[in-house]
């Protein structure tokens, strides 16, 4: 048995956009937030 890693042999040439607020150009982030409490939830606590 030999340990191996799988690598992509090509680079992606797709354009990736960020979400920005119109007028300010401030970056928008997506967070996992409890709807009822408004507190951010850790990824390990999500089912």
ModelCIF file with pLDDT and N, C-alpha, C, O atoms, coordinates in Angstrom:
data_MODEL
#
_entry.id   MODEL 
#
_entity.id                         1 
_entity.type                       polymer 
_entity.pdbx_number_of_molecules   1 
#
_entity_poly.entity_id                      1 
_entity_poly.type                           'polypeptide(L)' 
_entity_poly.nstd_linkage                   no 
_entity_poly.nstd_monomer                   no 
_entity_poly.pdbx_seq_one_letter_code       
;(UNK)(UNK)(UNK)(UNK)(UNK)(UNK)(UNK)(UNK)(UNK)(UNK)(UNK)(UNK)(UNK)(UNK)(UNK)(UNK)
(UNK)(UNK)(UNK)(UNK)(UNK)(UNK)(UNK)(UNK)(UNK)(UNK)(UNK)(UNK)(UNK)(UNK)(UNK)(UNK)
(UNK)(UNK)(UNK)(UNK)(UNK)(UNK)(UNK)(UNK)(UNK)(UNK)(UNK)(UNK)(UNK)(UNK)(UNK)
;
_entity_poly.pdbx_seq_one_letter_code_can   XXXXXXXXXXXXXXXXXXXXXXXXXXXXXXXXXXXXXXXXXXXXXXX 
_entity_poly.pdbx_strand_id                 A 
#
loop_
_entity_poly_seq.entity_id 
_entity_poly_seq.num 
_entity_poly_seq.mon_id 
_entity_poly_seq.hetero 
1 1  UNK n 
1 2  UNK n 
1 3  UNK n 
1 4  UNK n 
1 5  UNK n 
1 6  UNK n 
1 7  UNK n 
1 8  UNK n 
1 9  UNK n 
1 10 UNK n 
1 11 UNK n 
1 12 UNK n 
1 13 UNK n 
1 14 UNK n 
1 15 UNK n 
1 16 UNK n 
1 17 UNK n 
1 18 UNK n 
1 19 UNK n 
1 20 UNK n 
1 21 UNK n 
1 22 UNK n 
1 23 UNK n 
1 24 UNK n 
1 25 UNK n 
1 26 UNK n 
1 27 UNK n 
1 28 UNK n 
1 29 UNK n 
1 30 UNK n 
1 31 UNK n 
1 32 UNK n 
1 33 UNK n 
1 34 UNK n 
1 35 UNK n 
1 36 UNK n 
1 37 UNK n 
1 38 UNK n 
1 39 UNK n 
1 40 UNK n 
1 41 UNK n 
1 42 UNK n 
1 43 UNK n 
1 44 UNK n 
1 45 UNK n 
1 46 UNK n 
1 47 UNK n 
#
_struct_asym.id          A 
_struct_asym.entity_id   1 
#
loop_
_ma_qa_metric.id 
_ma_qa_metric.mode 
_ma_qa_metric.name 
_ma_qa_metric.software_group_id 
_ma_qa_metric.type 
1 global pLDDT . pLDDT 
2 local  pLDDT . pLDDT 
#
_ma_qa_metric_global.metric_id      1 
_ma_qa_metric_global.metric_value   84.74 
_ma_qa_metric_global.model_id       1 
_ma_qa_metric_global.ordinal_id     1 
#
loop_
_ma_qa_metric_local.label_asym_id 
_ma_qa_metric_local.label_comp_id 
_ma_qa_metric_local.label_seq_id 
_ma_qa_metric_local.metric_id 
_ma_qa_metric_local.metric_value 
_ma_qa_metric_local.model_id 
_ma_qa_metric_local.ordinal_id 
A UNK 1  2 80.00 1 1  
A UNK 2  2 80.00 1 2  
A UNK 3  2 84.00 1 3  
A UNK 4  2 83.00 1 4  
A UNK 5  2 83.00 1 5  
A UNK 6  2 79.00 1 6  
A UNK 7  2 80.00 1 7  
A UNK 8  2 76.00 1 8  
A UNK 9  2 71.00 1 9  
A UNK 10 2 69.00 1 10 
A UNK 11 2 67.00 1 11 
A UNK 12 2 65.00 1 12 
A UNK 13 2 71.00 1 13 
A UNK 14 2 76.00 1 14 
A UNK 15 2 78.00 1 15 
A UNK 16 2 80.00 1 16 
A UNK 17 2 86.00 1 17 
A UNK 18 2 86.00 1 18 
A UNK 19 2 88.00 1 19 
A UNK 20 2 88.00 1 20 
A UNK 21 2 89.00 1 21 
A UNK 22 2 90.00 1 22 
A UNK 23 2 90.00 1 23 
A UNK 24 2 90.00 1 24 
A UNK 25 2 87.00 1 25 
A UNK 26 2 90.00 1 26 
A UNK 27 2 89.00 1 27 
A UNK 28 2 89.00 1 28 
A UNK 29 2 85.00 1 29 
A UNK 30 2 86.00 1 30 
A UNK 31 2 87.00 1 31 
A UNK 32 2 90.00 1 32 
A UNK 33 2 92.00 1 33 
A UNK 34 2 92.00 1 34 
A UNK 35 2 90.00 1 35 
A UNK 36 2 90.00 1 36 
A UNK 37 2 93.00 1 37 
A UNK 38 2 90.00 1 38 
A UNK 39 2 93.00 1 39 
A UNK 40 2 92.00 1 40 
A UNK 41 2 92.00 1 41 
A UNK 42 2 90.00 1 42 
A UNK 43 2 86.00 1 43 
A UNK 44 2 86.00 1 44 
A UNK 45 2 89.00 1 45 
A UNK 46 2 88.00 1 46 
A UNK 47 2 88.00 1 47 
#
loop_
_atom_site.group_PDB 
_atom_site.id 
_atom_site.type_symbol 
_atom_site.label_atom_id 
_atom_site.label_alt_id 
_atom_site.label_comp_id 
_atom_site.label_asym_id 
_atom_site.label_entity_id 
_atom_site.label_seq_id 
_atom_site.pdbx_PDB_ins_code 
_atom_site.Cartn_x 
_atom_site.Cartn_y 
_atom_site.Cartn_z 
_atom_site.occupancy 
_atom_site.B_iso_or_equiv 
_atom_site.pdbx_formal_charge 
_atom_site.auth_seq_id 
_atom_site.auth_comp_id 
_atom_site.auth_asym_id 
_atom_site.auth_atom_id 
_atom_site.pdbx_PDB_model_num 
ATOM 1   N N  . UNK A 1 1  ? 0.844   -1.189 0.000   1.00 80.00 ? 1  UNK A N  1 
ATOM 2   C CA . UNK A 1 1  ? 0.000   0.000  0.000   1.00 80.00 ? 1  UNK A CA 1 
ATOM 3   C C  . UNK A 1 1  ? 0.878   1.237  0.000   1.00 80.00 ? 1  UNK A C  1 
ATOM 4   O O  . UNK A 1 1  ? 1.809   1.356  0.796   1.00 80.00 ? 1  UNK A O  1 
ATOM 5   N N  . UNK A 1 2  ? 0.567   2.162  -0.909  1.00 80.00 ? 2  UNK A N  1 
ATOM 6   C CA . UNK A 1 2  ? 1.337   3.395  -1.022  1.00 80.00 ? 2  UNK A CA 1 
ATOM 7   C C  . UNK A 1 2  ? 0.407   4.588  -0.828  1.00 80.00 ? 2  UNK A C  1 
ATOM 8   O O  . UNK A 1 2  ? -0.648  4.649  -1.459  1.00 80.00 ? 2  UNK A O  1 
ATOM 9   N N  . UNK A 1 3  ? 0.775   5.541  0.036   1.00 84.00 ? 3  UNK A N  1 
ATOM 10  C CA . UNK A 1 3  ? -0.043  6.739  0.179   1.00 84.00 ? 3  UNK A CA 1 
ATOM 11  C C  . UNK A 1 3  ? 0.102   7.614  -1.064  1.00 84.00 ? 3  UNK A C  1 
ATOM 12  O O  . UNK A 1 3  ? 1.214   7.825  -1.548  1.00 84.00 ? 3  UNK A O  1 
ATOM 13  N N  . UNK A 1 4  ? -1.002  8.117  -1.576  1.00 83.00 ? 4  UNK A N  1 
ATOM 14  C CA . UNK A 1 4  ? -0.993  8.973  -2.761  1.00 83.00 ? 4  UNK A CA 1 
ATOM 15  C C  . UNK A 1 4  ? -1.927  10.151 -2.546  1.00 83.00 ? 4  UNK A C  1 
ATOM 16  O O  . UNK A 1 4  ? -2.829  10.112 -1.710  1.00 83.00 ? 4  UNK A O  1 
ATOM 17  N N  . UNK A 1 5  ? -1.688  11.193 -3.315  1.00 83.00 ? 5  UNK A N  1 
ATOM 18  C CA . UNK A 1 5  ? -2.573  12.348 -3.355  1.00 83.00 ? 5  UNK A CA 1 
ATOM 19  C C  . UNK A 1 5  ? -3.056  12.534 -4.774  1.00 83.00 ? 5  UNK A C  1 
ATOM 20  O O  . UNK A 1 5  ? -2.305  12.283 -5.717  1.00 83.00 ? 5  UNK A O  1 
ATOM 21  N N  . UNK A 1 6  ? -4.289  12.969 -4.951  1.00 79.00 ? 6  UNK A N  1 
ATOM 22  C CA . UNK A 1 6  ? -4.853  13.200 -6.279  1.00 79.00 ? 6  UNK A CA 1 
ATOM 23  C C  . UNK A 1 6  ? -4.864  14.704 -6.531  1.00 79.00 ? 6  UNK A C  1 
ATOM 24  O O  . UNK A 1 6  ? -5.484  15.465 -5.788  1.00 79.00 ? 6  UNK A O  1 
ATOM 25  N N  . UNK A 1 7  ? -4.178  15.118 -7.579  1.00 80.00 ? 7  UNK A N  1 
ATOM 26  C CA . UNK A 1 7  ? -4.028  16.524 -7.923  1.00 80.00 ? 7  UNK A CA 1 
ATOM 27  C C  . UNK A 1 7  ? -4.689  16.804 -9.261  1.00 80.00 ? 7  UNK A C  1 
ATOM 28  O O  . UNK A 1 7  ? -4.740  15.925 -10.122 1.00 80.00 ? 7  UNK A O  1 
ATOM 29  N N  . UNK A 1 8  ? -5.197  18.017 -9.447  1.00 76.00 ? 8  UNK A N  1 
ATOM 30  C CA . UNK A 1 8  ? -5.708  18.395 -10.759 1.00 76.00 ? 8  UNK A CA 1 
ATOM 31  C C  . UNK A 1 8  ? -4.513  18.748 -11.637 1.00 76.00 ? 8  UNK A C  1 
ATOM 32  O O  . UNK A 1 8  ? -3.577  19.415 -11.194 1.00 76.00 ? 8  UNK A O  1 
ATOM 33  N N  . UNK A 1 9  ? -4.555  18.300 -12.870 1.00 71.00 ? 9  UNK A N  1 
ATOM 34  C CA . UNK A 1 9  ? -3.433  18.511 -13.775 1.00 71.00 ? 9  UNK A CA 1 
ATOM 35  C C  . UNK A 1 9  ? -3.596  19.776 -14.604 1.00 71.00 ? 9  UNK A C  1 
ATOM 36  O O  . UNK A 1 9  ? -2.692  20.144 -15.354 1.00 71.00 ? 9  UNK A O  1 
ATOM 37  N N  . UNK A 1 10 ? -4.728  20.441 -14.479 1.00 69.00 ? 10 UNK A N  1 
ATOM 38  C CA . UNK A 1 10 ? -4.949  21.668 -15.230 1.00 69.00 ? 10 UNK A CA 1 
ATOM 39  C C  . UNK A 1 10 ? -5.417  22.757 -14.282 1.00 69.00 ? 10 UNK A C  1 
ATOM 40  O O  . UNK A 1 10 ? -5.926  22.470 -13.199 1.00 69.00 ? 10 UNK A O  1 
ATOM 41  N N  . UNK A 1 11 ? -5.249  23.983 -14.681 1.00 67.00 ? 11 UNK A N  1 
ATOM 42  C CA . UNK A 1 11 ? -5.748  25.114 -13.904 1.00 67.00 ? 11 UNK A CA 1 
ATOM 43  C C  . UNK A 1 11 ? -7.110  25.523 -14.430 1.00 67.00 ? 11 UNK A C  1 
ATOM 44  O O  . UNK A 1 11 ? -7.354  25.496 -15.636 1.00 67.00 ? 11 UNK A O  1 
ATOM 45  N N  . UNK A 1 12 ? -7.991  25.901 -13.525 1.00 65.00 ? 12 UNK A N  1 
ATOM 46  C CA . UNK A 1 12 ? -9.302  26.374 -13.923 1.00 65.00 ? 12 UNK A CA 1 
ATOM 47  C C  . UNK A 1 12 ? -9.185  27.807 -14.437 1.00 65.00 ? 12 UNK A C  1 
ATOM 48  O O  . UNK A 1 12 ? -8.525  28.642 -13.819 1.00 65.00 ? 12 UNK A O  1 
ATOM 49  N N  . UNK A 1 13 ? -9.818  28.083 -15.554 1.00 71.00 ? 13 UNK A N  1 
ATOM 50  C CA . UNK A 1 13 ? -9.783  29.419 -16.120 1.00 71.00 ? 13 UNK A CA 1 
ATOM 51  C C  . UNK A 1 13 ? -11.151 30.098 -16.032 1.00 71.00 ? 13 UNK A C  1 
ATOM 52  O O  . UNK A 1 13 ? -11.447 31.020 -16.792 1.00 71.00 ? 13 UNK A O  1 
ATOM 53  N N  . UNK A 1 14 ? -11.970 29.634 -15.105 1.00 76.00 ? 14 UNK A N  1 
ATOM 54  C CA . UNK A 1 14 ? -13.276 30.259 -14.939 1.00 76.00 ? 14 UNK A CA 1 
ATOM 55  C C  . UNK A 1 14 ? -13.123 31.512 -14.089 1.00 76.00 ? 14 UNK A C  1 
ATOM 56  O O  . UNK A 1 14 ? -12.233 31.600 -13.243 1.00 76.00 ? 14 UNK A O  1 
ATOM 57  N N  . UNK A 1 15 ? -13.990 32.464 -14.321 1.00 78.00 ? 15 UNK A N  1 
ATOM 58  C CA . UNK A 1 15 ? -13.969 33.713 -13.575 1.00 78.00 ? 15 UNK A CA 1 
ATOM 59  C C  . UNK A 1 15 ? -14.819 33.538 -12.333 1.00 78.00 ? 15 UNK A C  1 
ATOM 60  O O  . UNK A 1 15 ? -15.955 33.073 -12.414 1.00 78.00 ? 15 UNK A O  1 
ATOM 61  N N  . UNK A 1 16 ? -14.279 33.905 -11.193 1.00 80.00 ? 16 UNK A N  1 
ATOM 62  C CA . UNK A 1 16 ? -14.999 33.826 -9.931  1.00 80.00 ? 16 UNK A CA 1 
ATOM 63  C C  . UNK A 1 16 ? -15.236 35.240 -9.422  1.00 80.00 ? 16 UNK A C  1 
ATOM 64  O O  . UNK A 1 16 ? -14.303 36.029 -9.273  1.00 80.00 ? 16 UNK A O  1 
ATOM 65  N N  . UNK A 1 17 ? -16.492 35.540 -9.161  1.00 86.00 ? 17 UNK A N  1 
ATOM 66  C CA . UNK A 1 17 ? -16.865 36.861 -8.685  1.00 86.00 ? 17 UNK A CA 1 
ATOM 67  C C  . UNK A 1 17 ? -17.073 36.850 -7.178  1.00 86.00 ? 17 UNK A C  1 
ATOM 68  O O  . UNK A 1 17 ? -17.409 35.811 -6.608  1.00 86.00 ? 17 UNK A O  1 
ATOM 69  N N  . UNK A 1 18 ? -16.880 37.981 -6.531  1.00 86.00 ? 18 UNK A N  1 
ATOM 70  C CA . UNK A 1 18 ? -17.220 38.180 -5.131  1.00 86.00 ? 18 UNK A CA 1 
ATOM 71  C C  . UNK A 1 18 ? -18.503 39.002 -5.077  1.00 86.00 ? 18 UNK A C  1 
ATOM 72  O O  . UNK A 1 18 ? -18.806 39.754 -6.002  1.00 86.00 ? 18 UNK A O  1 
ATOM 73  N N  . UNK A 1 19 ? -19.254 38.853 -3.986  1.00 88.00 ? 19 UNK A N  1 
ATOM 74  C CA . UNK A 1 19 ? -20.448 39.666 -3.794  1.00 88.00 ? 19 UNK A CA 1 
ATOM 75  C C  . UNK A 1 19 ? -20.035 40.960 -3.103  1.00 88.00 ? 19 UNK A C  1 
ATOM 76  O O  . UNK A 1 19 ? -19.335 40.934 -2.090  1.00 88.00 ? 19 UNK A O  1 
ATOM 77  N N  . UNK A 1 20 ? -20.471 42.098 -3.656  1.00 88.00 ? 20 UNK A N  1 
ATOM 78  C CA . UNK A 1 20 ? -20.135 43.410 -3.122  1.00 88.00 ? 20 UNK A CA 1 
ATOM 79  C C  . UNK A 1 20 ? -21.407 44.214 -2.908  1.00 88.00 ? 20 UNK A C  1 
ATOM 80  O O  . UNK A 1 20 ? -22.408 44.013 -3.595  1.00 88.00 ? 20 UNK A O  1 
ATOM 81  N N  . UNK A 1 21 ? -21.354 45.130 -1.942  1.00 89.00 ? 21 UNK A N  1 
ATOM 82  C CA . UNK A 1 21 ? -22.497 46.007 -1.722  1.00 89.00 ? 21 UNK A CA 1 
ATOM 83  C C  . UNK A 1 21 ? -22.447 47.137 -2.738  1.00 89.00 ? 21 UNK A C  1 
ATOM 84  O O  . UNK A 1 21 ? -21.414 47.781 -2.919  1.00 89.00 ? 21 UNK A O  1 
ATOM 85  N N  . UNK A 1 22 ? -23.576 47.368 -3.397  1.00 90.00 ? 22 UNK A N  1 
ATOM 86  C CA . UNK A 1 22 ? -23.652 48.402 -4.421  1.00 90.00 ? 22 UNK A CA 1 
ATOM 87  C C  . UNK A 1 22 ? -23.357 49.776 -3.799  1.00 90.00 ? 22 UNK A C  1 
ATOM 88  O O  . UNK A 1 22 ? -23.882 50.114 -2.738  1.00 90.00 ? 22 UNK A O  1 
ATOM 89  N N  . UNK A 1 23 ? -22.525 50.544 -4.465  1.00 90.00 ? 23 UNK A N  1 
ATOM 90  C CA . UNK A 1 23 ? -22.213 51.888 -4.011  1.00 90.00 ? 23 UNK A CA 1 
ATOM 91  C C  . UNK A 1 23 ? -20.997 51.979 -3.099  1.00 90.00 ? 23 UNK A C  1 
ATOM 92  O O  . UNK A 1 23 ? -20.305 52.997 -3.103  1.00 90.00 ? 23 UNK A O  1 
ATOM 93  N N  . UNK A 1 24 ? -20.719 50.934 -2.314  1.00 90.00 ? 24 UNK A N  1 
ATOM 94  C CA . UNK A 1 24 ? -19.576 50.991 -1.401  1.00 90.00 ? 24 UNK A CA 1 
ATOM 95  C C  . UNK A 1 24 ? -18.446 50.064 -1.831  1.00 90.00 ? 24 UNK A C  1 
ATOM 96  O O  . UNK A 1 24 ? -17.298 50.271 -1.436  1.00 90.00 ? 24 UNK A O  1 
ATOM 97  N N  . UNK A 1 25 ? -18.744 49.068 -2.616  1.00 87.00 ? 25 UNK A N  1 
ATOM 98  C CA . UNK A 1 25 ? -17.786 48.037 -3.036  1.00 87.00 ? 25 UNK A CA 1 
ATOM 99  C C  . UNK A 1 25 ? -17.232 47.269 -1.842  1.00 87.00 ? 25 UNK A C  1 
ATOM 100 O O  . UNK A 1 25 ? -16.132 46.721 -1.920  1.00 87.00 ? 25 UNK A O  1 
ATOM 101 N N  . UNK A 1 26 ? -17.984 47.219 -0.728  1.00 90.00 ? 26 UNK A N  1 
ATOM 102 C CA . UNK A 1 26 ? -17.594 46.414 0.428   1.00 90.00 ? 26 UNK A CA 1 
ATOM 103 C C  . UNK A 1 26 ? -17.974 44.966 0.170   1.00 90.00 ? 26 UNK A C  1 
ATOM 104 O O  . UNK A 1 26 ? -19.053 44.687 -0.351  1.00 90.00 ? 26 UNK A O  1 
ATOM 105 N N  . UNK A 1 27 ? -17.085 44.041 0.536   1.00 89.00 ? 27 UNK A N  1 
ATOM 106 C CA . UNK A 1 27 ? -17.320 42.627 0.306   1.00 89.00 ? 27 UNK A CA 1 
ATOM 107 C C  . UNK A 1 27 ? -18.393 42.102 1.245   1.00 89.00 ? 27 UNK A C  1 
ATOM 108 O O  . UNK A 1 27 ? -18.433 42.475 2.417   1.00 89.00 ? 27 UNK A O  1 
ATOM 109 N N  . UNK A 1 28 ? -19.261 41.241 0.736   1.00 89.00 ? 28 UNK A N  1 
ATOM 110 C CA . UNK A 1 28 ? -20.339 40.628 1.494   1.00 89.00 ? 28 UNK A CA 1 
ATOM 111 C C  . UNK A 1 28 ? -19.938 39.197 1.821   1.00 89.00 ? 28 UNK A C  1 
ATOM 112 O O  . UNK A 1 28 ? -19.481 38.470 0.939   1.00 89.00 ? 28 UNK A O  1 
ATOM 113 N N  . UNK A 1 29 ? -20.102 38.783 3.068   1.00 85.00 ? 29 UNK A N  1 
ATOM 114 C CA . UNK A 1 29 ? -19.794 37.427 3.515   1.00 85.00 ? 29 UNK A CA 1 
ATOM 115 C C  . UNK A 1 29 ? -21.081 36.700 3.864   1.00 85.00 ? 29 UNK A C  1 
ATOM 116 O O  . UNK A 1 29 ? -22.048 37.300 4.333   1.00 85.00 ? 29 UNK A O  1 
ATOM 117 N N  . UNK A 1 30 ? -21.074 35.385 3.624   1.00 86.00 ? 30 UNK A N  1 
ATOM 118 C CA . UNK A 1 30 ? -22.198 34.545 4.022   1.00 86.00 ? 30 UNK A CA 1 
ATOM 119 C C  . UNK A 1 30 ? -21.837 33.860 5.331   1.00 86.00 ? 30 UNK A C  1 
ATOM 120 O O  . UNK A 1 30 ? -20.773 33.253 5.447   1.00 86.00 ? 30 UNK A O  1 
ATOM 121 N N  . UNK A 1 31 ? -22.722 33.957 6.314   1.00 87.00 ? 31 UNK A N  1 
ATOM 122 C CA . UNK A 1 31 ? -22.492 33.333 7.609   1.00 87.00 ? 31 UNK A CA 1 
ATOM 123 C C  . UNK A 1 31 ? -23.669 32.447 7.942   1.00 87.00 ? 31 UNK A C  1 
ATOM 124 O O  . UNK A 1 31 ? -24.792 32.694 7.502   1.00 87.00 ? 31 UNK A O  1 
ATOM 125 N N  . UNK A 1 32 ? -23.404 31.401 8.731   1.00 90.00 ? 32 UNK A N  1 
ATOM 126 C CA . UNK A 1 32 ? -24.448 30.496 9.199   1.00 90.00 ? 32 UNK A CA 1 
ATOM 127 C C  . UNK A 1 32 ? -24.969 31.042 10.522  1.00 90.00 ? 32 UNK A C  1 
ATOM 128 O O  . UNK A 1 32 ? -24.283 30.995 11.543  1.00 90.00 ? 32 UNK A O  1 
ATOM 129 N N  . UNK A 1 33 ? -26.191 31.560 10.485  1.00 92.00 ? 33 UNK A N  1 
ATOM 130 C CA . UNK A 1 33 ? -26.761 32.232 11.646  1.00 92.00 ? 33 UNK A CA 1 
ATOM 131 C C  . UNK A 1 33 ? -28.085 31.574 12.016  1.00 92.00 ? 33 UNK A C  1 
ATOM 132 O O  . UNK A 1 33 ? -28.902 31.274 11.144  1.00 92.00 ? 33 UNK A O  1 
ATOM 133 N N  . UNK A 1 34 ? -28.294 31.349 13.317  1.00 92.00 ? 34 UNK A N  1 
ATOM 134 C CA . UNK A 1 34 ? -29.549 30.820 13.838  1.00 92.00 ? 34 UNK A CA 1 
ATOM 135 C C  . UNK A 1 34 ? -30.634 31.855 13.579  1.00 92.00 ? 34 UNK A C  1 
ATOM 136 O O  . UNK A 1 34 ? -30.503 33.003 14.005  1.00 92.00 ? 34 UNK A O  1 
ATOM 137 N N  . UNK A 1 35 ? -31.720 31.464 12.877  1.00 90.00 ? 35 UNK A N  1 
ATOM 138 C CA . UNK A 1 35 ? -32.792 32.406 12.541  1.00 90.00 ? 35 UNK A CA 1 
ATOM 139 C C  . UNK A 1 35 ? -33.468 32.993 13.771  1.00 90.00 ? 35 UNK A C  1 
ATOM 140 O O  . UNK A 1 35 ? -33.825 34.171 13.786  1.00 90.00 ? 35 UNK A O  1 
ATOM 141 N N  . UNK A 1 36 ? -33.643 32.172 14.802  1.00 90.00 ? 36 UNK A N  1 
ATOM 142 C CA . UNK A 1 36 ? -34.373 32.626 15.980  1.00 90.00 ? 36 UNK A CA 1 
ATOM 143 C C  . UNK A 1 36 ? -33.535 33.547 16.856  1.00 90.00 ? 36 UNK A C  1 
ATOM 144 O O  . UNK A 1 36 ? -34.025 34.583 17.304  1.00 90.00 ? 36 UNK A O  1 
ATOM 145 N N  . UNK A 1 37 ? -32.269 33.184 17.110  1.00 93.00 ? 37 UNK A N  1 
ATOM 146 C CA . UNK A 1 37 ? -31.447 33.953 18.040  1.00 93.00 ? 37 UNK A CA 1 
ATOM 147 C C  . UNK A 1 37 ? -30.549 34.978 17.367  1.00 93.00 ? 37 UNK A C  1 
ATOM 148 O O  . UNK A 1 37 ? -30.155 35.958 18.000  1.00 93.00 ? 37 UNK A O  1 
ATOM 149 N N  . UNK A 1 38 ? -30.219 34.776 16.098  1.00 90.00 ? 38 UNK A N  1 
ATOM 150 C CA . UNK A 1 38 ? -29.319 35.674 15.400  1.00 90.00 ? 38 UNK A CA 1 
ATOM 151 C C  . UNK A 1 38 ? -27.859 35.420 15.697  1.00 90.00 ? 38 UNK A C  1 
ATOM 152 O O  . UNK A 1 38 ? -27.000 36.194 15.275  1.00 90.00 ? 38 UNK A O  1 
ATOM 153 N N  . UNK A 1 39 ? -27.555 34.340 16.422  1.00 93.00 ? 39 UNK A N  1 
ATOM 154 C CA . UNK A 1 39 ? -26.185 33.998 16.792  1.00 93.00 ? 39 UNK A CA 1 
ATOM 155 C C  . UNK A 1 39 ? -25.581 33.101 15.717  1.00 93.00 ? 39 UNK A C  1 
ATOM 156 O O  . UNK A 1 39 ? -26.244 32.207 15.191  1.00 93.00 ? 39 UNK A O  1 
ATOM 157 N N  . UNK A 1 40 ? -24.298 33.357 15.396  1.00 92.00 ? 40 UNK A N  1 
ATOM 158 C CA . UNK A 1 40 ? -23.601 32.542 14.401  1.00 92.00 ? 40 UNK A CA 1 
ATOM 159 C C  . UNK A 1 40 ? -23.372 31.132 14.961  1.00 92.00 ? 40 UNK A C  1 
ATOM 160 O O  . UNK A 1 40 ? -23.015 30.970 16.128  1.00 92.00 ? 40 UNK A O  1 
ATOM 161 N N  . UNK A 1 41 ? -23.585 30.104 14.104  1.00 92.00 ? 41 UNK A N  1 
ATOM 162 C CA . UNK A 1 41 ? -23.505 28.706 14.512  1.00 92.00 ? 41 UNK A CA 1 
ATOM 163 C C  . UNK A 1 41 ? -22.267 28.072 13.911  1.00 92.00 ? 41 UNK A C  1 
ATOM 164 O O  . UNK A 1 41 ? -21.975 28.271 12.732  1.00 92.00 ? 41 UNK A O  1 
ATOM 165 N N  . UNK A 1 42 ? -21.531 27.303 14.721  1.00 90.00 ? 42 UNK A N  1 
ATOM 166 C CA . UNK A 1 42 ? -20.344 26.593 14.266  1.00 90.00 ? 42 UNK A CA 1 
ATOM 167 C C  . UNK A 1 42 ? -20.757 25.496 13.281  1.00 90.00 ? 42 UNK A C  1 
ATOM 168 O O  . UNK A 1 42 ? -21.824 24.901 13.426  1.00 90.00 ? 42 UNK A O  1 
ATOM 169 N N  . UNK A 1 43 ? -19.924 25.232 12.292  1.00 86.00 ? 43 UNK A N  1 
ATOM 170 C CA . UNK A 1 43 ? -20.225 24.233 11.263  1.00 86.00 ? 43 UNK A CA 1 
ATOM 171 C C  . UNK A 1 43 ? -20.436 22.845 11.858  1.00 86.00 ? 43 UNK A C  1 
ATOM 172 O O  . UNK A 1 43 ? -21.241 22.073 11.337  1.00 86.00 ? 43 UNK A O  1 
ATOM 173 N N  . UNK A 1 44 ? -19.722 22.511 12.950  1.00 86.00 ? 44 UNK A N  1 
ATOM 174 C CA . UNK A 1 44 ? -19.859 21.196 13.575  1.00 86.00 ? 44 UNK A CA 1 
ATOM 175 C C  . UNK A 1 44 ? -21.230 21.012 14.227  1.00 86.00 ? 44 UNK A C  1 
ATOM 176 O O  . UNK A 1 44 ? -21.644 19.879 14.473  1.00 86.00 ? 44 UNK A O  1 
ATOM 177 N N  . UNK A 1 45 ? -21.931 22.093 14.508  1.00 89.00 ? 45 UNK A N  1 
ATOM 178 C CA . UNK A 1 45 ? -23.243 22.026 15.154  1.00 89.00 ? 45 UNK A CA 1 
ATOM 179 C C  . UNK A 1 45 ? -24.401 22.030 14.163  1.00 89.00 ? 45 UNK A C  1 
ATOM 180 O O  . UNK A 1 45 ? -25.559 22.097 14.573  1.00 89.00 ? 45 UNK A O  1 
ATOM 181 N N  . UNK A 1 46 ? -24.112 21.960 12.882  1.00 88.00 ? 46 UNK A N  1 
ATOM 182 C CA . UNK A 1 46 ? -25.165 22.002 11.863  1.00 88.00 ? 46 UNK A CA 1 
ATOM 183 C C  . UNK A 1 46 ? -25.464 20.598 11.371  1.00 88.00 ? 46 UNK A C  1 
ATOM 184 O O  . UNK A 1 46 ? -24.551 19.847 11.029  1.00 88.00 ? 46 UNK A O  1 
ATOM 185 N N  . UNK A 1 47 ? -26.764 20.234 11.334  1.00 88.00 ? 47 UNK A N  1 
ATOM 186 C CA . UNK A 1 47 ? -27.212 18.939 10.819  1.00 88.00 ? 47 UNK A CA 1 
ATOM 187 C C  . UNK A 1 47 ? -28.220 19.184 9.707   1.00 88.00 ? 47 UNK A C  1 
ATOM 188 O O  . UNK A 1 47 ? -28.737 18.233 9.121   1.00 88.00 ? 47 UNK A O  1 
#
